[in-house]
Amino acid sequence: MFGSKFIEQSIFSASKKGTAIIPFITAGYPEKNEFSNLVLSLSEAADVIEIGVPFSDPMADGVTIQRSSHQAIESGVRLQWILQQLQAIEVKKPVILMSYLNPLFVFGYEALVEQSLEAGVDGFIVPDLPIEEGSDFRQVLNQANLGLIQLVTPASPTERIAKVAAMSSGFLYAVTVKGVTGGADGLPDTVTGYLEQVQELGNDTGLCWFRGENRRRCCFVGTLCGWDHCWLCIARSH
């Protein structure tokens, strides 16, 4: 099993025992030569692994990921290098690449899919690719059975959440706070109602992303709305 189905199955299996854990790391940070070992170590505990492709202008990310991306870029980390490193190891858990569109577009969608299959990449998160502009990339991924995880936010209208959910494969990424990643503590008072709405409109395919990374909050969010297979904890790795 691979691709979007592998992602879905891994999250569903984890949910039977508790909260699915999906840690995030920036590829090549903090040490470029430790990337492969870090991925393998995470695979022992994680249900899915999200790997950030360093980018010079990460508009959805705060200072933490900006700094880690800058350092990784300075050390020579590029998309091609990431795929080569993943191809050289065997990761037994689903792998998702989180990347802004530019590196993927420059790489070429066809070549990206071919090398992603060889590297064991199962899906992508592209925060700056709205559904209205993602048909070309979505089609190429669908043909290869790879996932394209779409995002909704607390500012998304009801109709928008339903539309995005219908186009998301692997899971639906429910951002729980407004603004960029990192830096803020706590969750807004409206988060419960928002997640219940995502649950209803997304047919239980959602996962939750939130700022502030600690075990206590992960457990809290993991039981907040009682979703069966729908939680995402991004581990602070910087």
C-alpha atoms as a PDB file:
ATOM      1  CA  MET A   1       0.000   0.000   0.000  1.00  0.00           C
ATOM      2  CA  PHE A   2       1.194   3.506  -0.788  1.00  0.00           C
ATOM      3  CA  GLY A   3       0.009   7.011  -1.528  1.00  0.00           C
ATOM      4  CA  SER A   4      -3.186   8.559  -0.222  1.00  0.00           C
ATOM      5  CA  LYS A   5      -4.626   5.199   0.835  1.00  0.00           C
ATOM      6  CA  PHE A   6      -1.518   4.477   2.898  1.00  0.00           C
ATOM      7  CA  ILE A   7      -1.899   7.828   4.661  1.00  0.00           C
ATOM      8  CA  GLU A   8      -5.569   7.222   5.386  1.00  0.00           C
ATOM      9  CA  GLN A   9      -4.963   3.683   6.625  1.00  0.00           C
ATOM     10  CA  SER A  10      -2.127   4.695   8.925  1.00  0.00           C
ATOM     11  CA  ILE A  11      -4.190   7.447  10.546  1.00  0.00           C
ATOM     12  CA  PHE A  12      -7.226   5.202  10.873  1.00  0.00           C
ATOM     13  CA  SER A  13      -5.182   2.424  12.492  1.00  0.00           C
ATOM     14  CA  ALA A  14      -3.624   4.871  14.957  1.00  0.00           C
ATOM     15  CA  SER A  15      -7.014   6.312  15.885  1.00  0.00           C
ATOM     16  CA  LYS A  16      -8.137   2.942  17.208  1.00  0.00           C
ATOM     17  CA  LYS A  17      -5.548   3.303  19.974  1.00  0.00           C
ATOM     18  CA  GLY A  18      -5.626   7.057  20.512  1.00  0.00           C
ATOM     19  CA  THR A  19      -4.321  10.129  18.751  1.00  0.00           C
ATOM     20  CA  ALA A  20      -2.491   9.875  15.427  1.00  0.00           C
ATOM     21  CA  ILE A  21       0.883  11.613  15.605  1.00  0.00           C
ATOM     22  CA  ILE A  22       2.281  13.380  12.527  1.00  0.00           C
ATOM     23  CA  PRO A  23       5.533  15.166  13.407  1.00  0.00           C
ATOM     24  CA  PHE A  24       6.884  17.895  11.156  1.00  0.00           C
ATOM     25  CA  ILE A  25      10.552  18.500  10.409  1.00  0.00           C
ATOM     26  CA  THR A  26      12.326  20.832   8.038  1.00  0.00           C
ATOM     27  CA  ALA A  27      14.465  18.687   5.744  1.00  0.00           C
ATOM     28  CA  GLY A  28      18.153  19.059   6.553  1.00  0.00           C
ATOM     29  CA  TYR A  29      17.617  20.880   9.837  1.00  0.00           C
ATOM     30  CA  PRO A  30      19.280  21.086  12.295  1.00  0.00           C
ATOM     31  CA  GLU A  31      22.043  18.977  10.672  1.00  0.00           C
ATOM     32  CA  LYS A  32      21.963  18.078   6.994  1.00  0.00           C
ATOM     33  CA  ASN A  33      23.930  14.853   7.456  1.00  0.00           C
ATOM     34  CA  GLU A  34      21.479  13.638  10.119  1.00  0.00           C
ATOM     35  CA  PHE A  35      18.361  13.951   7.956  1.00  0.00           C
ATOM     36  CA  SER A  36      18.018  10.278   7.043  1.00  0.00           C
ATOM     37  CA  ASN A  37      18.629   9.099  10.602  1.00  0.00           C
ATOM     38  CA  LEU A  38      16.091  11.593  11.913  1.00  0.00           C
ATOM     39  CA  VAL A  39      13.425  10.386   9.491  1.00  0.00           C
ATOM     40  CA  LEU A  40      14.073   6.764  10.422  1.00  0.00           C
ATOM     41  CA  SER A  41      13.951   7.580  14.129  1.00  0.00           C
ATOM     42  CA  LEU A  42      10.646   9.423  13.725  1.00  0.00           C
ATOM     43  CA  SER A  43       9.192   6.504  11.808  1.00  0.00           C
ATOM     44  CA  GLU A  44       9.506   4.366  14.928  1.00  0.00           C
ATOM     45  CA  ALA A  45       6.970   6.509  16.788  1.00  0.00           C
ATOM     46  CA  ALA A  46       5.062   8.525  14.205  1.00  0.00           C
ATOM     47  CA  ASP A  47       2.011   7.436  12.250  1.00  0.00           C
ATOM     48  CA  VAL A  48       2.810   9.726   9.314  1.00  0.00           C
ATOM     49  CA  ILE A  49       5.866  11.940   8.784  1.00  0.00           C
ATOM     50  CA  GLU A  50       5.600  15.436   7.335  1.00  0.00           C
ATOM     51  CA  ILE A  51       8.810  16.792   5.815  1.00  0.00           C
ATOM     52  CA  GLY A  52       9.121  20.452   4.995  1.00  0.00           C
ATOM     53  CA  VAL A  53      10.893  21.414   1.772  1.00  0.00           C
ATOM     54  CA  PRO A  54      12.955  24.538   2.598  1.00  0.00           C
ATOM     55  CA  PHE A  55      11.798  27.626   0.752  1.00  0.00           C
ATOM     56  CA  SER A  56      13.087  31.188   0.772  1.00  0.00           C
ATOM     57  CA  ASP A  57       9.666  32.813   1.221  1.00  0.00           C
ATOM     58  CA  PRO A  58       7.480  30.570   3.411  1.00  0.00           C
ATOM     59  CA  MET A  59       4.492  32.908   3.626  1.00  0.00           C
ATOM     60  CA  ALA A  60       2.388  30.680   5.890  1.00  0.00           C
ATOM     61  CA  ASP A  61       5.170  30.064   8.398  1.00  0.00           C
ATOM     62  CA  GLY A  62       6.442  32.048  11.334  1.00  0.00           C
ATOM     63  CA  VAL A  63       9.953  32.705  12.571  1.00  0.00           C
ATOM     64  CA  THR A  64      10.676  29.149  13.697  1.00  0.00           C
ATOM     65  CA  ILE A  65      10.235  27.523  10.308  1.00  0.00           C
ATOM     66  CA  GLN A  66      11.609  30.550   8.494  1.00  0.00           C
ATOM     67  CA  ARG A  67      14.860  30.155  10.400  1.00  0.00           C
ATOM     68  CA  SER A  68      15.062  26.399   9.922  1.00  0.00           C
ATOM     69  CA  SER A  69      14.351  26.771   6.197  1.00  0.00           C
ATOM     70  CA  HIS A  70      17.013  29.450   5.852  1.00  0.00           C
ATOM     71  CA  GLN A  71      19.611  27.305   7.576  1.00  0.00           C
ATOM     72  CA  ALA A  72      18.711  24.253   5.472  1.00  0.00           C
ATOM     73  CA  ILE A  73      18.939  26.264   2.253  1.00  0.00           C
ATOM     74  CA  GLU A  74      22.297  27.659   3.338  1.00  0.00           C
ATOM     75  CA  SER A  75      23.543  24.104   3.858  1.00  0.00           C
ATOM     76  CA  GLY A  76      22.511  23.138   0.332  1.00  0.00           C
ATOM     77  CA  VAL A  77      19.208  21.328   0.914  1.00  0.00           C
ATOM     78  CA  ARG A  78      17.061  21.221  -2.218  1.00  0.00           C
ATOM     79  CA  LEU A  79      14.051  19.189  -3.326  1.00  0.00           C
ATOM     80  CA  GLN A  80      16.204  16.901  -5.483  1.00  0.00           C
ATOM     81  CA  TRP A  81      18.485  16.187  -2.530  1.00  0.00           C
ATOM     82  CA  ILE A  82      15.527  15.354  -0.294  1.00  0.00           C
ATOM     83  CA  LEU A  83      14.147  12.850  -2.791  1.00  0.00           C
ATOM     84  CA  GLN A  84      17.567  11.264  -3.204  1.00  0.00           C
ATOM     85  CA  GLN A  85      17.961  10.864   0.546  1.00  0.00           C
ATOM     86  CA  LEU A  86      14.527   9.305   0.924  1.00  0.00           C
ATOM     87  CA  GLN A  87      15.166   6.953  -1.971  1.00  0.00           C
ATOM     88  CA  ALA A  88      18.251   5.613  -0.158  1.00  0.00           C
ATOM     89  CA  ILE A  89      16.323   4.582   2.974  1.00  0.00           C
ATOM     90  CA  GLU A  90      13.243   2.516   3.738  1.00  0.00           C
ATOM     91  CA  VAL A  91      10.615   4.405   5.709  1.00  0.00           C
ATOM     92  CA  LYS A  92       7.808   2.141   6.875  1.00  0.00           C
ATOM     93  CA  LYS A  93       5.380   4.972   7.570  1.00  0.00           C
ATOM     94  CA  PRO A  94       3.678   7.318   5.091  1.00  0.00           C
ATOM     95  CA  VAL A  95       5.751  10.346   4.101  1.00  0.00           C
ATOM     96  CA  ILE A  96       4.243  13.710   3.153  1.00  0.00           C
ATOM     97  CA  LEU A  97       6.215  16.561   1.629  1.00  0.00           C
ATOM     98  CA  MET A  98       5.069  20.016   2.673  1.00  0.00           C
ATOM     99  CA  SER A  99       6.249  22.450   0.013  1.00  0.00           C
ATOM    100  CA  TYR A 100       5.321  25.773  -1.477  1.00  0.00           C
ATOM    101  CA  LEU A 101       4.412  25.545  -5.126  1.00  0.00           C
ATOM    102  CA  ASN A 102       7.474  27.141  -6.707  1.00  0.00           C
ATOM    103  CA  PRO A 103       9.974  24.306  -6.024  1.00  0.00           C
ATOM    104  CA  LEU A 104       7.471  21.728  -7.274  1.00  0.00           C
ATOM    105  CA  PHE A 105       6.574  23.700 -10.402  1.00  0.00           C
ATOM    106  CA  VAL A 106      10.231  24.277 -11.303  1.00  0.00           C
ATOM    107  CA  PHE A 107      11.019  20.610 -10.730  1.00  0.00           C
ATOM    108  CA  GLY A 108       8.231  19.580 -13.110  1.00  0.00           C
ATOM    109  CA  TYR A 109       5.124  17.681 -12.035  1.00  0.00           C
ATOM    110  CA  GLU A 110       5.772  14.553 -14.090  1.00  0.00           C
ATOM    111  CA  ALA A 111       9.374  14.222 -12.909  1.00  0.00           C
ATOM    112  CA  LEU A 112       8.292  14.989  -9.360  1.00  0.00           C
ATOM    113  CA  VAL A 113       5.729  12.201  -9.315  1.00  0.00           C
ATOM    114  CA  GLU A 114       8.146   9.713 -10.852  1.00  0.00           C
ATOM    115  CA  GLN A 115      10.880  10.427  -8.333  1.00  0.00           C
ATOM    116  CA  SER A 116       8.429  10.673  -5.438  1.00  0.00           C
ATOM    117  CA  LEU A 117       7.203   7.157  -6.142  1.00  0.00           C
ATOM    118  CA  GLU A 118      10.793   5.939  -6.152  1.00  0.00           C
ATOM    119  CA  ALA A 119      11.492   7.782  -2.899  1.00  0.00           C
ATOM    120  CA  GLY A 120       8.414   6.517  -1.064  1.00  0.00           C
ATOM    121  CA  VAL A 121       6.635   9.866  -0.856  1.00  0.00           C
ATOM    122  CA  ASP A 122       2.904   9.344  -0.381  1.00  0.00           C
ATOM    123  CA  GLY A 123       1.462  12.828  -0.626  1.00  0.00           C
ATOM    124  CA  PHE A 124       1.909  16.589  -0.659  1.00  0.00           C
ATOM    125  CA  ILE A 125       0.760  19.654   1.238  1.00  0.00           C
ATOM    126  CA  VAL A 126       1.029  22.851  -0.810  1.00  0.00           C
ATOM    127  CA  PRO A 127      -0.231  25.776   1.297  1.00  0.00           C
ATOM    128  CA  ASP A 128      -0.058  28.373  -1.468  1.00  0.00           C
ATOM    129  CA  LEU A 129      -1.941  26.315  -4.057  1.00  0.00           C
ATOM    130  CA  PRO A 130      -5.696  27.014  -3.883  1.00  0.00           C
ATOM    131  CA  ILE A 131      -8.044  24.400  -5.281  1.00  0.00           C
ATOM    132  CA  GLU A 132      -9.017  26.698  -8.152  1.00  0.00           C
ATOM    133  CA  GLU A 133      -5.438  26.687  -9.442  1.00  0.00           C
ATOM    134  CA  GLY A 134      -4.399  23.145  -8.564  1.00  0.00           C
ATOM    135  CA  SER A 135      -6.127  21.048 -11.221  1.00  0.00           C
ATOM    136  CA  ASP A 136      -2.945  20.248 -13.192  1.00  0.00           C
ATOM    137  CA  PHE A 137      -0.990  19.117 -10.143  1.00  0.00           C
ATOM    138  CA  ARG A 138      -3.993  17.297  -8.677  1.00  0.00           C
ATOM    139  CA  GLN A 139      -4.526  15.357 -11.896  1.00  0.00           C
ATOM    140  CA  VAL A 140      -0.924  14.160 -12.041  1.00  0.00           C
ATOM    141  CA  LEU A 141      -1.015  13.089  -8.395  1.00  0.00           C
ATOM    142  CA  ASN A 142      -4.377  11.350  -8.754  1.00  0.00           C
ATOM    143  CA  GLN A 143      -3.080   9.328 -11.684  1.00  0.00           C
ATOM    144  CA  ALA A 144      -0.257   8.072  -9.458  1.00  0.00           C
ATOM    145  CA  ASN A 145      -2.549   7.571  -6.417  1.00  0.00           C
ATOM    146  CA  LEU A 146      -0.584  10.144  -4.423  1.00  0.00           C
ATOM    147  CA  GLY A 147      -2.348  12.404  -1.954  1.00  0.00           C
ATOM    148  CA  LEU A 148      -2.876  16.145  -2.181  1.00  0.00           C
ATOM    149  CA  ILE A 149      -3.848  17.372   1.265  1.00  0.00           C
ATOM    150  CA  GLN A 150      -5.920  20.550   1.142  1.00  0.00           C
ATOM    151  CA  LEU A 151      -6.232  23.155   3.892  1.00  0.00           C
ATOM    152  CA  VAL A 152      -9.146  24.922   5.537  1.00  0.00           C
ATOM    153  CA  THR A 153      -8.975  27.617   8.214  1.00  0.00           C
ATOM    154  CA  PRO A 154     -11.273  29.241  10.778  1.00  0.00           C
ATOM    155  CA  ALA A 155     -11.879  31.951   8.171  1.00  0.00           C
ATOM    156  CA  SER A 156     -13.137  29.472   5.558  1.00  0.00           C
ATOM    157  CA  PRO A 157     -16.889  29.799   4.822  1.00  0.00           C
ATOM    158  CA  THR A 158     -19.048  26.718   5.199  1.00  0.00           C
ATOM    159  CA  GLU A 159     -19.369  26.253   1.451  1.00  0.00           C
ATOM    160  CA  ARG A 160     -15.610  26.542   1.053  1.00  0.00           C
ATOM    161  CA  ILE A 161     -14.874  23.885   3.666  1.00  0.00           C
ATOM    162  CA  ALA A 162     -17.199  21.425   1.943  1.00  0.00           C
ATOM    163  CA  LYS A 163     -15.672  22.120  -1.470  1.00  0.00           C
ATOM    164  CA  VAL A 164     -12.091  21.822  -0.248  1.00  0.00           C
ATOM    165  CA  ALA A 165     -12.880  18.633   1.675  1.00  0.00           C
ATOM    166  CA  ALA A 166     -14.273  17.017  -1.458  1.00  0.00           C
ATOM    167  CA  MET A 167     -11.006  17.691  -3.315  1.00  0.00           C
ATOM    168  CA  SER A 168      -8.629  16.628  -0.554  1.00  0.00           C
ATOM    169  CA  SER A 169      -7.031  13.192  -0.600  1.00  0.00           C
ATOM    170  CA  GLY A 170      -5.194  11.592   2.313  1.00  0.00           C
ATOM    171  CA  PHE A 171      -6.860  13.862   4.841  1.00  0.00           C
ATOM    172  CA  LEU A 172      -8.251  17.365   5.260  1.00  0.00           C
ATOM    173  CA  TYR A 173      -5.878  19.781   6.997  1.00  0.00           C
ATOM    174  CA  ALA A 174      -7.798  21.919   9.492  1.00  0.00           C
ATOM    175  CA  VAL A 175      -5.745  24.907  10.610  1.00  0.00           C
ATOM    176  CA  THR A 176      -7.025  25.961  14.029  1.00  0.00           C
ATOM    177  CA  VAL A 177      -5.611  29.473  14.359  1.00  0.00           C
ATOM    178  CA  LYS A 178      -5.409  32.531  12.159  1.00  0.00           C
ATOM    179  CA  GLY A 179      -1.965  33.721  11.123  1.00  0.00           C
ATOM    180  CA  VAL A 180       1.364  32.026  10.531  1.00  0.00           C
ATOM    181  CA  THR A 181       2.773  28.952  12.244  1.00  0.00           C
ATOM    182  CA  GLY A 182       4.492  29.049  15.603  1.00  0.00           C
ATOM    183  CA  GLY A 183       4.779  31.502  18.405  1.00  0.00           C
ATOM    184  CA  ALA A 184       1.315  31.591  19.925  1.00  0.00           C
ATOM    185  CA  ASP A 185       0.151  29.680  22.977  1.00  0.00           C
ATOM    186  CA  GLY A 186      -3.337  28.437  23.562  1.00  0.00           C
ATOM    187  CA  LEU A 187      -6.268  27.806  21.254  1.00  0.00           C
ATOM    188  CA  PRO A 188      -9.145  30.151  20.406  1.00  0.00           C
ATOM    189  CA  ASP A 189     -12.450  29.708  22.238  1.00  0.00           C
ATOM    190  CA  THR A 190     -14.177  29.040  18.929  1.00  0.00           C
ATOM    191  CA  VAL A 191     -12.012  26.054  18.004  1.00  0.00           C
ATOM    192  CA  THR A 192     -14.508  23.412  19.159  1.00  0.00           C
ATOM    193  CA  GLY A 193     -17.349  24.686  17.008  1.00  0.00           C
ATOM    194  CA  TYR A 194     -15.022  25.136  14.051  1.00  0.00           C
ATOM    195  CA  LEU A 195     -13.672  21.595  14.275  1.00  0.00           C
ATOM    196  CA  GLU A 196     -17.144  20.168  14.673  1.00  0.00           C
ATOM    197  CA  GLN A 197     -18.102  21.954  11.454  1.00  0.00           C
ATOM    198  CA  VAL A 198     -15.043  20.575   9.656  1.00  0.00           C
ATOM    199  CA  GLN A 199     -15.905  17.124  10.974  1.00  0.00           C
ATOM    200  CA  GLU A 200     -19.420  17.332   9.603  1.00  0.00           C
ATOM    201  CA  LEU A 201     -18.530  18.816   6.236  1.00  0.00           C
ATOM    202  CA  GLY A 202     -15.387  16.742   5.768  1.00  0.00           C
ATOM    203  CA  ASN A 203     -17.030  13.399   6.490  1.00  0.00           C
ATOM    204  CA  ASP A 204     -14.557  12.674   9.309  1.00  0.00           C
ATOM    205  CA  THR A 205     -11.552  12.943   6.994  1.00  0.00           C
ATOM    206  CA  GLY A 206      -9.980  15.921   8.753  1.00  0.00           C
ATOM    207  CA  LEU A 207      -6.938  16.407  10.877  1.00  0.00           C
ATOM    208  CA  CYS A 208      -6.167  19.249  13.180  1.00  0.00           C
ATOM    209  CA  TRP A 209      -3.110  21.472  13.100  1.00  0.00           C
ATOM    210  CA  PHE A 210      -2.350  23.870  15.904  1.00  0.00           C
ATOM    211  CA  ARG A 211       0.355  26.185  17.164  1.00  0.00           C
ATOM    212  CA  GLY A 212       2.368  25.379  20.251  1.00  0.00           C
ATOM    213  CA  GLU A 213       3.840  21.930  20.496  1.00  0.00           C
ATOM    214  CA  ASN A 214       3.641  19.915  23.695  1.00  0.00           C
ATOM    215  CA  ARG A 215       2.281  16.562  24.729  1.00  0.00           C
ATOM    216  CA  ARG A 216      -0.416  17.916  27.039  1.00  0.00           C
ATOM    217  CA  ARG A 217      -1.972  20.085  24.345  1.00  0.00           C
ATOM    218  CA  CYS A 218      -1.725  17.291  21.797  1.00  0.00           C
ATOM    219  CA  CYS A 219      -3.723  15.018  24.089  1.00  0.00           C
ATOM    220  CA  PHE A 220      -6.230  17.815  24.747  1.00  0.00           C
ATOM    221  CA  VAL A 221      -6.802  18.525  21.078  1.00  0.00           C
ATOM    222  CA  GLY A 222      -6.900  14.796  20.351  1.00  0.00           C
ATOM    223  CA  THR A 223     -10.017  14.389  22.490  1.00  0.00           C
ATOM    224  CA  LEU A 224     -11.611  17.787  21.914  1.00  0.00           C
ATOM    225  CA  CYS A 225     -14.240  16.857  19.370  1.00  0.00           C
ATOM    226  CA  GLY A 226     -14.221  13.074  19.546  1.00  0.00           C
ATOM    227  CA  TRP A 227     -13.220  12.522  15.932  1.00  0.00           C
ATOM    228  CA  ASP A 228     -12.335   8.917  15.204  1.00  0.00           C
ATOM    229  CA  HIS A 229      -9.313   9.368  12.973  1.00  0.00           C
ATOM    230  CA  CYS A 230      -8.663  13.010  12.570  1.00  0.00           C
ATOM    231  CA  TRP A 231      -5.845  14.524  14.581  1.00  0.00           C
ATOM    232  CA  LEU A 232      -2.546  15.994  13.620  1.00  0.00           C
ATOM    233  CA  CYS A 233       0.156  16.971  16.076  1.00  0.00           C
ATOM    234  CA  ILE A 234       3.069  18.815  14.565  1.00  0.00           C
ATOM    235  CA  ALA A 235       6.108  18.277  16.774  1.00  0.00           C
ATOM    236  CA  ARG A 236       8.402  21.205  17.342  1.00  0.00           C
ATOM    237  CA  SER A 237      11.720  20.220  15.777  1.00  0.00           C
ATOM    238  CA  HIS A 238      13.591  23.503  15.655  1.00  0.00           C
END
